[in-house]
N, C-alpha and C. Protein backbone atom coordinates (compact mmCIF):
# COMPACT_ATOMS: atom_id res chain seq x y z
N UNK A 1 0.85 -1.24 0.06
CA UNK A 1 0.01 0.04 0.02
C UNK A 1 0.95 1.31 0.02
N UNK A 2 0.41 2.23 -0.57
CA UNK A 2 1.14 3.55 -0.67
C UNK A 2 0.73 4.42 0.37
N UNK A 3 1.76 5.09 0.98
CA UNK A 3 1.54 5.96 2.13
C UNK A 3 1.65 7.32 1.60
N UNK A 4 0.61 8.09 1.47
CA UNK A 4 0.66 9.46 0.72
C UNK A 4 -0.02 10.49 1.73
N UNK A 5 0.67 11.45 2.02
CA UNK A 5 0.17 12.59 2.95
C UNK A 5 -1.05 13.21 2.32
N UNK A 6 -1.22 13.12 0.97
CA UNK A 6 -2.37 13.68 0.33
C UNK A 6 -3.73 13.09 1.02
N UNK A 7 -3.66 11.79 1.35
CA UNK A 7 -4.78 11.19 1.93
C UNK A 7 -5.19 11.65 3.21
N UNK A 8 -4.21 11.92 4.05
CA UNK A 8 -4.49 12.59 5.37
C UNK A 8 -4.96 13.98 5.16
N UNK A 9 -4.33 14.71 4.30
CA UNK A 9 -4.89 16.10 4.15
C UNK A 9 -6.27 16.16 3.60
N UNK A 10 -6.52 15.21 2.69
CA UNK A 10 -7.90 15.04 2.14
C UNK A 10 -8.91 14.74 3.21
N UNK A 11 -8.52 13.80 4.10
CA UNK A 11 -9.44 13.39 5.13
C UNK A 11 -9.70 14.56 6.08
N UNK A 12 -8.73 15.37 6.45
CA UNK A 12 -8.78 16.48 7.37
C UNK A 12 -9.64 17.58 6.73
N UNK A 13 -9.49 17.87 5.40
CA UNK A 13 -10.16 18.85 4.67
C UNK A 13 -11.86 18.39 4.72
N UNK A 14 -11.98 17.09 4.40
CA UNK A 14 -13.33 16.57 4.42
C UNK A 14 -14.11 16.69 5.77
N UNK A 15 -13.30 16.30 6.77
CA UNK A 15 -13.79 16.47 8.17
C UNK A 15 -14.11 17.96 8.41
N UNK A 16 -13.30 18.84 8.10
CA UNK A 16 -13.55 20.37 8.36
C UNK A 16 -14.74 20.82 7.67
N UNK A 17 -14.84 20.41 6.33
CA UNK A 17 -16.13 20.90 5.57
C UNK A 17 -17.29 20.28 6.10
N UNK A 18 -17.27 19.03 6.60
CA UNK A 18 -18.35 18.41 7.25
C UNK A 18 -18.80 19.02 8.38
N UNK A 19 -17.83 19.44 9.27
CA UNK A 19 -18.26 20.24 10.50
C UNK A 19 -18.88 21.61 10.30
N UNK A 20 -18.21 22.23 9.31
CA UNK A 20 -18.81 23.63 8.79
C UNK A 20 -20.23 23.47 8.33
N UNK A 21 -20.37 22.37 7.36
CA UNK A 21 -21.75 22.27 6.95
C UNK A 21 -22.70 21.90 7.92
N UNK A 22 -22.36 21.12 8.97
CA UNK A 22 -23.16 20.74 10.08
C UNK A 22 -23.58 21.95 10.79
N UNK A 23 -22.64 22.80 11.23
CA UNK A 23 -22.91 23.99 11.93
C UNK A 23 -23.82 25.01 11.09
N UNK A 24 -23.74 25.13 9.85
CA UNK A 24 -24.46 25.81 8.92
C UNK A 24 -25.87 25.40 9.00
N UNK A 25 -26.01 24.04 8.88
CA UNK A 25 -27.37 23.35 8.89
C UNK A 25 -28.00 23.62 10.24
N UNK A 26 -27.35 23.59 11.26
CA UNK A 26 -27.98 23.94 12.62
C UNK A 26 -28.28 25.38 12.68
N UNK A 27 -27.63 26.31 12.30
CA UNK A 27 -27.97 27.68 12.44
C UNK A 27 -29.16 27.98 11.46
N UNK A 28 -29.28 27.19 10.29
CA UNK A 28 -30.30 27.45 9.38
C UNK A 28 -31.68 27.02 10.02
N UNK A 29 -31.61 25.82 10.64
CA UNK A 29 -32.71 25.16 11.25
C UNK A 29 -33.17 26.19 12.47
N UNK A 30 -32.16 26.62 13.22
CA UNK A 30 -32.42 27.47 14.34
C UNK A 30 -33.21 28.88 13.83
N UNK A 31 -32.65 29.38 12.67
CA UNK A 31 -33.27 30.59 12.15
C UNK A 31 -34.64 30.39 11.47
N UNK A 32 -34.91 29.11 10.95
CA UNK A 32 -36.14 28.92 10.33
C UNK A 32 -37.27 28.59 11.33
N UNK A 33 -36.76 27.97 12.50
CA UNK A 33 -37.66 27.60 13.50
C UNK A 33 -38.29 28.75 14.48
N UNK A 34 -37.58 29.87 14.33
CA UNK A 34 -38.00 31.02 15.14
C UNK A 34 -39.27 31.87 14.54
């Protein structure tokens, strides 16, 4: 198997994007529910 730092960087980027999207969804639901 190949060890590439790109894989770890990609995983970190995906996790950060997922967290940001989750926070935005929470804010949107909070905004719409009021």
